Amino acid sequence: MKALYFEHFGASEVLQYGELPQPEIGESDVLVKVEYIGLNFADIYRRRGDYHIEKHTPYINGYEGAGVIEAIGANVTNQQVGETVLFVDVPFANAEYVAVPSEQAIRLPAGIDSKLAASIGLQGMTADFLAHDLGKNTPGEKAFITGISGGVGQVLSQMLVADEIEVYGSASSTEKQALALSHGVKQVFPSRENSWVETVEGQFATAYDGVGSTIQQSLDLIKHRGKVVFFGMAGGDPVKIDPVALMSESKSILTGDLWDYLTSYEERKIRSERLFSYFAKGQIEISEPTIFSLSEGKQAHEFLETGKSIGKVLLKS
């Protein structure tokens, strides 16, 4: 099979494209012929050696994709050959074929094709657990999202709007700001300047921060007894936070790992159905993804690293 791989950590130049052995499936696995693969900042961190990556010789990056089941193991009962499925937490995804544990294969409903599924899978499931397990906002509350037009931000903002939350945010360009406003967001501030911060300090029940380097700003934006939901470091490492200062204003930082919320087939089924229902009702729309062929993996990594992408970057197998 064709795959995107690398033999040592480094910049995008380490990525190679070529033939590798096709994976063998176990009794509880399904073999997926991958159509679209989600590219995420975590994949860049893995390529650099800054993030855990599954051992393999050579390294094959990627944990998210969608495609058609071509074979099933002897003990598989949840899926059938020919079904289109999504997976968001299976290693070695940057390849034409991936062996996926049956309990981690999410069946796609009518109306959700493999391109859309790969575009919303990881970010959508992340947005779902951020909103419904960590944020837990109630209708009428104000929430702020840093990087509101990124992959997670686009889905999260519309999910919160659908849940009747008053949503605000920041974005790096006028194009990204306009995109968020078109999704029902009340106001979007320019992230490349901070003169606006003082005007809205202490107004939000929750600030969702996937940028990392802005965590102190997020703490300033929330009111007493508010919370920051921290979920990524797309803009760099967060500064150290003094817990005593948080205690004096009854502020909290909540964080989590999606994998701690996807612990069974039933969990994946419930959460994916809730996510897909927003799309079925027309409550969430996303930008058309930027698509590179798997052989163009180097260019795709470089494009994502520039920060110019709006929405999802996909690799087409």
C-alpha atoms as a PDB file:
ATOM      1  CA  MET A   1       0.000   0.000   0.000  1.00  0.00           C
ATOM      2  CA  LYS A   2       1.010   3.655  -0.353  1.00  0.00           C
ATOM      3  CA  ALA A   3       1.725   5.565   2.843  1.00  0.00           C
ATOM      4  CA  LEU A   4       3.151   8.819   4.155  1.00  0.00           C
ATOM      5  CA  TYR A   5       5.911   8.029   6.629  1.00  0.00           C
ATOM      6  CA  PHE A   6       9.135   9.232   8.213  1.00  0.00           C
ATOM      7  CA  GLU A   7      12.203   7.569   9.729  1.00  0.00           C
ATOM      8  CA  HIS A   8      13.304  10.253  12.175  1.00  0.00           C
ATOM      9  CA  PHE A   9      11.783  13.354  13.785  1.00  0.00           C
ATOM     10  CA  GLY A  10      12.165  16.795  12.270  1.00  0.00           C
ATOM     11  CA  ALA A  11      10.718  19.405   9.938  1.00  0.00           C
ATOM     12  CA  SER A  12       8.401  18.572   7.046  1.00  0.00           C
ATOM     13  CA  GLU A  13      11.394  17.467   4.936  1.00  0.00           C
ATOM     14  CA  VAL A  14      11.514  14.163   6.868  1.00  0.00           C
ATOM     15  CA  LEU A  15       8.211  13.058   5.314  1.00  0.00           C
ATOM     16  CA  GLN A  16       8.372  10.420   2.586  1.00  0.00           C
ATOM     17  CA  TYR A  17       5.724   8.813   0.379  1.00  0.00           C
ATOM     18  CA  GLY A  18       6.012   5.271  -0.870  1.00  0.00           C
ATOM     19  CA  GLU A  19       5.160   1.578  -0.573  1.00  0.00           C
ATOM     20  CA  LEU A  20       4.801  -0.104   2.831  1.00  0.00           C
ATOM     21  CA  PRO A  21       3.275  -3.452   3.821  1.00  0.00           C
ATOM     22  CA  GLN A  22      -0.510  -3.500   4.150  1.00  0.00           C
ATOM     23  CA  PRO A  23      -1.635  -4.006   7.779  1.00  0.00           C
ATOM     24  CA  GLU A  24      -3.036  -7.331   8.911  1.00  0.00           C
ATOM     25  CA  ILE A  25      -6.262  -7.311  10.913  1.00  0.00           C
ATOM     26  CA  GLY A  26      -7.009  -9.216  14.085  1.00  0.00           C
ATOM     27  CA  GLU A  27     -10.205 -11.050  14.969  1.00  0.00           C
ATOM     28  CA  SER A  28     -11.771  -7.888  16.402  1.00  0.00           C
ATOM     29  CA  ASP A  29     -10.565  -5.477  13.710  1.00  0.00           C
ATOM     30  CA  VAL A  30     -11.885  -4.160  10.414  1.00  0.00           C
ATOM     31  CA  LEU A  31      -9.710  -3.247   7.435  1.00  0.00           C
ATOM     32  CA  VAL A  32     -10.616   0.217   6.145  1.00  0.00           C
ATOM     33  CA  LYS A  33      -9.659   1.437   2.686  1.00  0.00           C
ATOM     34  CA  VAL A  34      -9.144   5.062   3.611  1.00  0.00           C
ATOM     35  CA  GLU A  35     -10.651   7.805   1.447  1.00  0.00           C
ATOM     36  CA  TYR A  36      -9.881  10.934   3.506  1.00  0.00           C
ATOM     37  CA  ILE A  37      -7.460  11.482   6.385  1.00  0.00           C
ATOM     38  CA  GLY A  38      -7.674  14.352   8.847  1.00  0.00           C
ATOM     39  CA  LEU A  39      -4.490  16.369   9.371  1.00  0.00           C
ATOM     40  CA  ASN A  40      -4.166  17.997  12.789  1.00  0.00           C
ATOM     41  CA  PHE A  41      -1.657  20.099  14.723  1.00  0.00           C
ATOM     42  CA  ALA A  42      -0.991  17.041  16.884  1.00  0.00           C
ATOM     43  CA  ASP A  43       0.426  15.345  13.773  1.00  0.00           C
ATOM     44  CA  ILE A  44       2.920  18.185  13.417  1.00  0.00           C
ATOM     45  CA  TYR A  45       3.927  17.807  17.067  1.00  0.00           C
ATOM     46  CA  ARG A  46       4.359  14.050  16.526  1.00  0.00           C
ATOM     47  CA  ARG A  47       6.493  14.588  13.432  1.00  0.00           C
ATOM     48  CA  ARG A  48       8.721  16.963  15.394  1.00  0.00           C
ATOM     49  CA  GLY A  49       9.047  14.469  18.271  1.00  0.00           C
ATOM     50  CA  ASP A  50       7.169  16.687  20.726  1.00  0.00           C
ATOM     51  CA  TYR A  51       4.151  14.421  21.178  1.00  0.00           C
ATOM     52  CA  HIS A  52       3.514  10.712  21.701  1.00  0.00           C
ATOM     53  CA  ILE A  53       3.445   8.663  18.503  1.00  0.00           C
ATOM     54  CA  GLU A  54       2.786   4.944  18.242  1.00  0.00           C
ATOM     55  CA  LYS A  55       5.921   2.877  17.684  1.00  0.00           C
ATOM     56  CA  HIS A  56       6.316   1.681  14.115  1.00  0.00           C
ATOM     57  CA  THR A  57       9.195   1.216  11.682  1.00  0.00           C
ATOM     58  CA  PRO A  58       9.064   3.573   9.877  1.00  0.00           C
ATOM     59  CA  TYR A  59       6.805   6.019  11.704  1.00  0.00           C
ATOM     60  CA  ILE A  60       3.327   6.454  10.187  1.00  0.00           C
ATOM     61  CA  ASN A  61       1.535   9.534  11.468  1.00  0.00           C
ATOM     62  CA  GLY A  62      -2.186  10.270  11.722  1.00  0.00           C
ATOM     63  CA  TYR A  63      -5.022   9.060  13.936  1.00  0.00           C
ATOM     64  CA  GLU A  64      -8.157  10.138  12.060  1.00  0.00           C
ATOM     65  CA  GLY A  65      -9.808   9.131   8.810  1.00  0.00           C
ATOM     66  CA  ALA A  66     -12.856   7.819   6.995  1.00  0.00           C
ATOM     67  CA  GLY A  67     -13.315   5.144   4.385  1.00  0.00           C
ATOM     68  CA  VAL A  68     -14.941   1.881   3.376  1.00  0.00           C
ATOM     69  CA  ILE A  69     -14.604  -1.444   5.192  1.00  0.00           C
ATOM     70  CA  GLU A  70     -12.997  -4.048   2.935  1.00  0.00           C
ATOM     71  CA  ALA A  71     -12.617  -6.918   5.409  1.00  0.00           C
ATOM     72  CA  ILE A  72     -13.711  -7.807   8.944  1.00  0.00           C
ATOM     73  CA  GLY A  73     -12.257 -10.026  11.640  1.00  0.00           C
ATOM     74  CA  ALA A  74     -13.936 -13.233  12.772  1.00  0.00           C
ATOM     75  CA  ASN A  75     -15.333 -11.675  15.968  1.00  0.00           C
ATOM     76  CA  VAL A  76     -16.695  -8.448  14.454  1.00  0.00           C
ATOM     77  CA  THR A  77     -20.456  -7.977  14.845  1.00  0.00           C
ATOM     78  CA  ASN A  78     -20.904  -4.170  14.770  1.00  0.00           C
ATOM     79  CA  GLN A  79     -19.786  -3.574  11.156  1.00  0.00           C
ATOM     80  CA  GLN A  80     -20.085  -5.115   7.718  1.00  0.00           C
ATOM     81  CA  VAL A  81     -17.992  -5.102   4.560  1.00  0.00           C
ATOM     82  CA  GLY A  82     -18.965  -2.150   2.359  1.00  0.00           C
ATOM     83  CA  GLU A  83     -19.980   0.197   5.175  1.00  0.00           C
ATOM     84  CA  THR A  84     -18.408   3.648   5.377  1.00  0.00           C
ATOM     85  CA  VAL A  85     -16.938   4.410   8.791  1.00  0.00           C
ATOM     86  CA  LEU A  86     -15.075   7.114  10.653  1.00  0.00           C
ATOM     87  CA  PHE A  87     -12.270   6.641  13.164  1.00  0.00           C
ATOM     88  CA  VAL A  88     -10.707   9.389  15.267  1.00  0.00           C
ATOM     89  CA  ASP A  89      -8.308   7.589  17.572  1.00  0.00           C
ATOM     90  CA  VAL A  90      -6.549   4.886  15.560  1.00  0.00           C
ATOM     91  CA  PRO A  91      -2.822   5.130  14.745  1.00  0.00           C
ATOM     92  CA  PHE A  92      -1.132   4.769  11.336  1.00  0.00           C
ATOM     93  CA  ALA A  93      -3.892   6.668   9.502  1.00  0.00           C
ATOM     94  CA  ASN A  94      -1.587   8.245   6.893  1.00  0.00           C
ATOM     95  CA  ALA A  95      -1.962   5.237   4.612  1.00  0.00           C
ATOM     96  CA  GLU A  96      -4.236   3.676   2.022  1.00  0.00           C
ATOM     97  CA  TYR A  97      -5.314   0.949   4.448  1.00  0.00           C
ATOM     98  CA  VAL A  98      -5.761   1.068   8.225  1.00  0.00           C
ATOM     99  CA  ALA A  99      -6.557  -1.757  10.654  1.00  0.00           C
ATOM    100  CA  VAL A 100      -9.258  -0.324  12.919  1.00  0.00           C
ATOM    101  CA  PRO A 101     -10.501  -2.002  16.118  1.00  0.00           C
ATOM    102  CA  SER A 102     -14.214  -2.692  15.630  1.00  0.00           C
ATOM    103  CA  GLU A 103     -15.233  -0.726  18.720  1.00  0.00           C
ATOM    104  CA  GLN A 104     -13.456   2.354  17.347  1.00  0.00           C
ATOM    105  CA  ALA A 105     -15.148   2.302  13.929  1.00  0.00           C
ATOM    106  CA  ILE A 106     -18.069   4.757  13.813  1.00  0.00           C
ATOM    107  CA  ARG A 107     -20.738   3.992  11.219  1.00  0.00           C
ATOM    108  CA  LEU A 108     -21.753   7.016   9.142  1.00  0.00           C
ATOM    109  CA  PRO A 109     -25.460   7.832   8.781  1.00  0.00           C
ATOM    110  CA  ALA A 110     -27.104   8.856   5.521  1.00  0.00           C
ATOM    111  CA  GLY A 111     -26.164  12.426   4.640  1.00  0.00           C
ATOM    112  CA  ILE A 112     -22.690  12.258   6.186  1.00  0.00           C
ATOM    113  CA  ASP A 113     -20.135  11.193   3.561  1.00  0.00           C
ATOM    114  CA  SER A 114     -16.501  10.296   4.180  1.00  0.00           C
ATOM    115  CA  LYS A 115     -15.198  13.769   3.274  1.00  0.00           C
ATOM    116  CA  LEU A 116     -17.516  15.526   5.721  1.00  0.00           C
ATOM    117  CA  ALA A 117     -16.871  12.880   8.381  1.00  0.00           C
ATOM    118  CA  ALA A 118     -13.096  13.298   8.104  1.00  0.00           C
ATOM    119  CA  SER A 119     -13.588  17.078   8.189  1.00  0.00           C
ATOM    120  CA  ILE A 120     -15.581  17.039  11.430  1.00  0.00           C
ATOM    121  CA  GLY A 121     -14.549  13.807  13.143  1.00  0.00           C
ATOM    122  CA  LEU A 122     -11.815  14.699  15.594  1.00  0.00           C
ATOM    123  CA  GLN A 123     -12.673  18.398  15.853  1.00  0.00           C
ATOM    124  CA  GLY A 124     -16.385  17.652  16.136  1.00  0.00           C
ATOM    125  CA  MET A 125     -15.982  15.013  18.824  1.00  0.00           C
ATOM    126  CA  THR A 126     -13.584  17.359  20.615  1.00  0.00           C
ATOM    127  CA  ALA A 127     -16.100  20.214  20.435  1.00  0.00           C
ATOM    128  CA  ASP A 128     -18.781  17.881  21.772  1.00  0.00           C
ATOM    129  CA  PHE A 129     -16.840  16.914  24.889  1.00  0.00           C
ATOM    130  CA  LEU A 130     -15.613  20.472  25.455  1.00  0.00           C
ATOM    131  CA  ALA A 131     -19.163  21.810  25.323  1.00  0.00           C
ATOM    132  CA  HIS A 132     -21.067  19.038  27.040  1.00  0.00           C
ATOM    133  CA  ASP A 133     -18.564  17.540  29.496  1.00  0.00           C
ATOM    134  CA  LEU A 134     -16.352  20.489  30.453  1.00  0.00           C
ATOM    135  CA  GLY A 135     -18.061  23.790  29.581  1.00  0.00           C
ATOM    136  CA  LYS A 136     -21.616  22.746  30.438  1.00  0.00           C
ATOM    137  CA  ASN A 137     -22.939  26.208  29.637  1.00  0.00           C
ATOM    138  CA  THR A 138     -26.577  27.009  30.221  1.00  0.00           C
ATOM    139  CA  PRO A 139     -28.759  28.980  27.758  1.00  0.00           C
ATOM    140  CA  GLY A 140     -28.116  32.706  27.920  1.00  0.00           C
ATOM    141  CA  GLU A 141     -24.563  32.472  29.275  1.00  0.00           C
ATOM    142  CA  LYS A 142     -21.718  34.244  27.508  1.00  0.00           C
ATOM    143  CA  ALA A 143     -18.814  32.166  26.181  1.00  0.00           C
ATOM    144  CA  PHE A 144     -15.604  33.240  24.444  1.00  0.00           C
ATOM    145  CA  ILE A 145     -13.636  31.108  21.977  1.00  0.00           C
ATOM    146  CA  THR A 146     -10.026  31.955  21.139  1.00  0.00           C
ATOM    147  CA  GLY A 147      -9.223  30.957  17.555  1.00  0.00           C
ATOM    148  CA  ILE A 148     -12.915  30.758  16.761  1.00  0.00           C
ATOM    149  CA  SER A 149     -12.522  29.965  13.045  1.00  0.00           C
ATOM    150  CA  GLY A 150     -10.156  27.028  13.421  1.00  0.00           C
ATOM    151  CA  GLY A 151     -11.270  23.429  13.009  1.00  0.00           C
ATOM    152  CA  VAL A 152     -12.575  22.995  16.563  1.00  0.00           C
ATOM    153  CA  GLY A 153     -13.648  26.625  16.874  1.00  0.00           C
ATOM    154  CA  GLN A 154     -15.972  26.527  13.861  1.00  0.00           C
ATOM    155  CA  VAL A 155     -17.838  23.487  15.152  1.00  0.00           C
ATOM    156  CA  LEU A 156     -17.778  24.527  18.823  1.00  0.00           C
ATOM    157  CA  SER A 157     -19.092  28.040  18.159  1.00  0.00           C
ATOM    158  CA  GLN A 158     -22.059  26.770  16.147  1.00  0.00           C
ATOM    159  CA  MET A 159     -22.740  24.005  18.649  1.00  0.00           C
ATOM    160  CA  LEU A 160     -22.901  26.561  21.456  1.00  0.00           C
ATOM    161  CA  VAL A 161     -25.077  28.909  19.386  1.00  0.00           C
ATOM    162  CA  ALA A 162     -27.444  25.990  18.720  1.00  0.00           C
ATOM    163  CA  ASP A 163     -27.470  25.342  22.468  1.00  0.00           C
ATOM    164  CA  GLU A 164     -28.573  28.999  22.961  1.00  0.00           C
ATOM    165  CA  ILE A 165     -25.250  30.263  24.339  1.00  0.00           C
ATOM    166  CA  GLU A 166     -24.173  33.838  23.525  1.00  0.00           C
ATOM    167  CA  VAL A 167     -20.862  33.319  21.735  1.00  0.00           C
ATOM    168  CA  TYR A 168     -17.944  35.718  21.208  1.00  0.00           C
ATOM    169  CA  GLY A 169     -14.420  35.047  20.014  1.00  0.00           C
ATOM    170  CA  SER A 170     -11.174  36.129  18.393  1.00  0.00           C
ATOM    171  CA  ALA A 171      -9.664  35.391  14.991  1.00  0.00           C
ATOM    172  CA  SER A 172      -6.534  36.433  13.131  1.00  0.00           C
ATOM    173  CA  SER A 173      -7.963  37.866   9.905  1.00  0.00           C
ATOM    174  CA  THR A 174     -11.003  39.789   8.719  1.00  0.00           C
ATOM    175  CA  GLU A 175     -11.957  36.763   6.602  1.00  0.00           C
ATOM    176  CA  LYS A 176     -11.950  34.487   9.624  1.00  0.00           C
ATOM    177  CA  GLN A 177     -13.814  37.073  11.704  1.00  0.00           C
ATOM    178  CA  ALA A 178     -16.513  37.370   9.021  1.00  0.00           C
ATOM    179  CA  LEU A 179     -16.836  33.586   8.860  1.00  0.00           C
ATOM    180  CA  ALA A 180     -17.515  33.344  12.595  1.00  0.00           C
ATOM    181  CA  LEU A 181     -20.068  36.162  12.461  1.00  0.00           C
ATOM    182  CA  SER A 182     -21.892  34.352   9.662  1.00  0.00           C
ATOM    183  CA  HIS A 183     -22.347  31.427  12.057  1.00  0.00           C
ATOM    184  CA  GLY A 184     -24.303  33.432  14.606  1.00  0.00           C
ATOM    185  CA  VAL A 185     -21.403  34.633  16.780  1.00  0.00           C
ATOM    186  CA  LYS A 186     -22.170  37.968  18.474  1.00  0.00           C
ATOM    187  CA  GLN A 187     -18.762  39.643  18.099  1.00  0.00           C
ATOM    188  CA  VAL A 188     -15.280  38.647  16.932  1.00  0.00           C
ATOM    189  CA  PHE A 189     -12.141  40.507  17.962  1.00  0.00           C
ATOM    190  CA  PRO A 190      -8.776  40.615  16.120  1.00  0.00           C
ATOM    191  CA  SER A 191      -6.406  38.155  17.794  1.00  0.00           C
ATOM    192  CA  ARG A 192      -3.298  39.945  16.533  1.00  0.00           C
ATOM    193  CA  GLU A 193      -3.954  42.878  18.862  1.00  0.00           C
ATOM    194  CA  ASN A 194      -5.211  43.059  22.433  1.00  0.00           C
ATOM    195  CA  SER A 195      -6.486  46.597  22.890  1.00  0.00           C
ATOM    196  CA  TRP A 196     -10.023  45.193  23.028  1.00  0.00           C
ATOM    197  CA  VAL A 197      -9.326  42.880  25.980  1.00  0.00           C
ATOM    198  CA  GLU A 198      -9.848  45.537  28.655  1.00  0.00           C
ATOM    199  CA  THR A 199     -13.268  46.409  27.201  1.00  0.00           C
ATOM    200  CA  VAL A 200     -14.631  42.889  27.770  1.00  0.00           C
ATOM    201  CA  GLU A 201     -12.641  41.671  30.786  1.00  0.00           C
ATOM    202  CA  GLY A 202     -14.644  39.765  33.353  1.00  0.00           C
ATOM    203  CA  GLN A 203     -17.738  39.339  31.149  1.00  0.00           C
ATOM    204  CA  PHE A 204     -17.728  35.641  30.248  1.00  0.00           C
ATOM    205  CA  ALA A 205     -18.858  32.563  32.106  1.00  0.00           C
ATOM    206  CA  THR A 206     -16.482  30.420  30.048  1.00  0.00           C
ATOM    207  CA  ALA A 207     -13.485  30.953  27.788  1.00  0.00           C
ATOM    208  CA  TYR A 208     -12.511  28.091  25.477  1.00  0.00           C
ATOM    209  CA  ASP A 209      -8.786  28.267  24.711  1.00  0.00           C
ATOM    210  CA  GLY A 210      -7.071  26.016  22.186  1.00  0.00           C
ATOM    211  CA  VAL A 211      -4.257  28.479  21.495  1.00  0.00           C
ATOM    212  CA  GLY A 212      -2.337  27.959  24.738  1.00  0.00           C
ATOM    213  CA  SER A 213      -0.193  31.075  24.737  1.00  0.00           C
ATOM    214  CA  THR A 214      -3.363  33.116  25.383  1.00  0.00           C
ATOM    215  CA  ILE A 215      -4.401  31.369  28.574  1.00  0.00           C
ATOM    216  CA  GLN A 216      -3.740  34.393  30.805  1.00  0.00           C
ATOM    217  CA  GLN A 217      -5.878  36.499  28.475  1.00  0.00           C
ATOM    218  CA  SER A 218      -8.631  33.896  28.740  1.00  0.00           C
ATOM    219  CA  LEU A 219      -8.442  34.067  32.529  1.00  0.00           C
ATOM    220  CA  ASP A 220      -8.798  37.845  32.327  1.00  0.00           C
ATOM    221  CA  LEU A 221     -11.883  37.511  30.137  1.00  0.00           C
ATOM    222  CA  ILE A 222     -13.872  35.326  32.511  1.00  0.00           C
ATOM    223  CA  LYS A 223     -15.799  36.650  35.462  1.00  0.00           C
ATOM    224  CA  HIS A 224     -15.482  35.517  39.068  1.00  0.00           C
ATOM    225  CA  ARG A 225     -16.514  31.855  39.364  1.00  0.00           C
ATOM    226  CA  GLY A 226     -15.917  31.520  35.629  1.00  0.00           C
ATOM    227  CA  LYS A 227     -13.889  28.801  33.948  1.00  0.00           C
ATOM    228  CA  VAL A 228     -11.312  28.462  31.198  1.00  0.00           C
ATOM    229  CA  VAL A 229     -11.588  25.280  29.151  1.00  0.00           C
ATOM    230  CA  PHE A 230      -8.047  24.634  27.943  1.00  0.00           C
ATOM    231  CA  PHE A 231      -7.726  22.212  25.036  1.00  0.00           C
ATOM    232  CA  GLY A 232      -4.622  22.910  22.966  1.00  0.00           C
ATOM    233  CA  MET A 233      -1.441  24.811  22.217  1.00  0.00           C
ATOM    234  CA  ALA A 234      -1.794  25.809  18.565  1.00  0.00           C
ATOM    235  CA  GLY A 235      -0.167  29.172  19.354  1.00  0.00           C
ATOM    236  CA  GLY A 236       2.520  27.992  21.767  1.00  0.00           C
ATOM    237  CA  ASP A 237       2.939  26.791  25.329  1.00  0.00           C
ATOM    238  CA  PRO A 238       0.822  28.410  28.066  1.00  0.00           C
ATOM    239  CA  VAL A 239       2.449  30.537  30.746  1.00  0.00           C
ATOM    240  CA  LYS A 240       2.624  29.188  34.288  1.00  0.00           C
ATOM    241  CA  ILE A 241      -0.492  29.968  36.282  1.00  0.00           C
ATOM    242  CA  ASP A 242      -0.575  30.789  39.989  1.00  0.00           C
ATOM    243  CA  PRO A 243      -3.366  28.711  41.578  1.00  0.00           C
ATOM    244  CA  VAL A 244      -3.567  31.129  44.510  1.00  0.00           C
ATOM    245  CA  ALA A 245      -4.485  33.946  42.117  1.00  0.00           C
ATOM    246  CA  LEU A 246      -7.203  31.729  40.653  1.00  0.00           C
ATOM    247  CA  MET A 247      -8.546  30.921  44.088  1.00  0.00           C
ATOM    248  CA  SER A 248      -8.835  34.594  45.031  1.00  0.00           C
ATOM    249  CA  GLU A 249     -11.327  35.109  42.169  1.00  0.00           C
ATOM    250  CA  SER A 250     -12.889  31.624  42.264  1.00  0.00           C
ATOM    251  CA  LYS A 251     -11.738  30.956  38.708  1.00  0.00           C
ATOM    252  CA  SER A 252     -11.081  27.471  37.360  1.00  0.00           C
ATOM    253  CA  ILE A 253      -9.131  25.874  34.542  1.00  0.00           C
ATOM    254  CA  LEU A 254     -10.674  22.707  33.143  1.00  0.00           C
ATOM    255  CA  THR A 255      -8.978  20.450  30.659  1.00  0.00           C
ATOM    256  CA  GLY A 256      -9.227  16.927  29.363  1.00  0.00           C
ATOM    257  CA  ASP A 257      -8.219  14.395  26.784  1.00  0.00           C
ATOM    258  CA  LEU A 258     -10.838  13.263  24.278  1.00  0.00           C
ATOM    259  CA  TRP A 259      -9.613   9.688  24.612  1.00  0.00           C
ATOM    260  CA  ASP A 260     -10.797   9.642  28.239  1.00  0.00           C
ATOM    261  CA  TYR A 261     -14.306  10.304  26.922  1.00  0.00           C
ATOM    262  CA  LEU A 262     -14.251   7.752  24.086  1.00  0.00           C
ATOM    263  CA  THR A 263     -13.867   4.616  26.147  1.00  0.00           C
ATOM    264  CA  SER A 264     -16.270   2.227  24.409  1.00  0.00           C
ATOM    265  CA  TYR A 265     -18.222   1.567  21.235  1.00  0.00           C
ATOM    266  CA  GLU A 266     -21.348   2.869  22.972  1.00  0.00           C
ATOM    267  CA  GLU A 267     -19.616   6.138  23.950  1.00  0.00           C
ATOM    268  CA  ARG A 268     -18.531   6.694  20.354  1.00  0.00           C
ATOM    269  CA  LYS A 269     -22.006   5.893  19.064  1.00  0.00           C
ATOM    270  CA  ILE A 270     -23.808   8.275  21.450  1.00  0.00           C
ATOM    271  CA  ARG A 271     -21.359  11.138  20.955  1.00  0.00           C
ATOM    272  CA  SER A 272     -21.108  10.791  17.176  1.00  0.00           C
ATOM    273  CA  GLU A 273     -24.904  10.638  16.810  1.00  0.00           C
ATOM    274  CA  ARG A 274     -25.222  13.820  18.882  1.00  0.00           C
ATOM    275  CA  LEU A 275     -22.586  15.512  16.714  1.00  0.00           C
ATOM    276  CA  PHE A 276     -24.133  14.344  13.434  1.00  0.00           C
ATOM    277  CA  SER A 277     -27.580  15.525  14.585  1.00  0.00           C
ATOM    278  CA  TYR A 278     -26.411  19.167  14.576  1.00  0.00           C
ATOM    279  CA  PHE A 279     -25.489  18.766  10.903  1.00  0.00           C
ATOM    280  CA  ALA A 280     -28.703  16.905  10.065  1.00  0.00           C
ATOM    281  CA  LYS A 281     -30.697  19.815  11.545  1.00  0.00           C
ATOM    282  CA  GLY A 282     -28.640  22.375   9.616  1.00  0.00           C
ATOM    283  CA  GLN A 283     -27.333  23.908  12.853  1.00  0.00           C
ATOM    284  CA  ILE A 284     -23.659  23.523  11.933  1.00  0.00           C
ATOM    285  CA  GLU A 285     -21.955  24.239   8.626  1.00  0.00           C
ATOM    286  CA  ILE A 286     -18.234  24.124   7.973  1.00  0.00           C
ATOM    287  CA  SER A 287     -15.879  25.628   5.440  1.00  0.00           C
ATOM    288  CA  GLU A 288     -14.918  23.450   2.494  1.00  0.00           C
ATOM    289  CA  PRO A 289     -11.787  21.596   3.599  1.00  0.00           C
ATOM    290  CA  THR A 290      -8.421  22.158   1.965  1.00  0.00           C
ATOM    291  CA  ILE A 291      -7.473  18.861   0.354  1.00  0.00           C
ATOM    292  CA  PHE A 292      -4.011  17.548  -0.527  1.00  0.00           C
ATOM    293  CA  SER A 293      -3.245  14.125  -1.936  1.00  0.00           C
ATOM    294  CA  LEU A 294      -1.463  11.793   0.477  1.00  0.00           C
ATOM    295  CA  SER A 295       1.618  12.099  -1.746  1.00  0.00           C
ATOM    296  CA  GLU A 296       1.557  15.857  -1.024  1.00  0.00           C
ATOM    297  CA  GLY A 297       1.835  15.328   2.722  1.00  0.00           C
ATOM    298  CA  LYS A 298       4.880  17.571   3.043  1.00  0.00           C
ATOM    299  CA  GLN A 299       3.030  20.497   1.462  1.00  0.00           C
ATOM    300  CA  ALA A 300      -0.034  19.813   3.631  1.00  0.00           C
ATOM    301  CA  HIS A 301       2.059  19.957   6.826  1.00  0.00           C
ATOM    302  CA  GLU A 302       3.668  23.203   5.712  1.00  0.00           C
ATOM    303  CA  PHE A 303       0.281  24.714   4.851  1.00  0.00           C
ATOM    304  CA  LEU A 304      -1.182  23.848   8.252  1.00  0.00           C
ATOM    305  CA  GLU A 305       1.885  25.240  10.022  1.00  0.00           C
ATOM    306  CA  THR A 306       1.464  28.643   8.354  1.00  0.00           C
ATOM    307  CA  GLY A 307      -1.777  29.213  10.272  1.00  0.00           C
ATOM    308  CA  LYS A 308      -3.512  30.344   7.072  1.00  0.00           C
ATOM    309  CA  SER A 309      -5.957  27.475   6.906  1.00  0.00           C
ATOM    310  CA  ILE A 310      -9.652  28.089   7.550  1.00  0.00           C
ATOM    311  CA  GLY A 311     -11.214  24.896   8.793  1.00  0.00           C
ATOM    312  CA  LYS A 312      -9.935  21.410   8.105  1.00  0.00           C
ATOM    313  CA  VAL A 313      -6.970  20.161   6.108  1.00  0.00           C
ATOM    314  CA  LEU A 314      -7.474  16.693   4.609  1.00  0.00           C
ATOM    315  CA  LEU A 315      -5.221  14.181   2.900  1.00  0.00           C
ATOM    316  CA  LYS A 316      -6.891  12.184   0.101  1.00  0.00           C
ATOM    317  CA  SER A 317      -5.673   8.627  -0.137  1.00  0.00           C
END
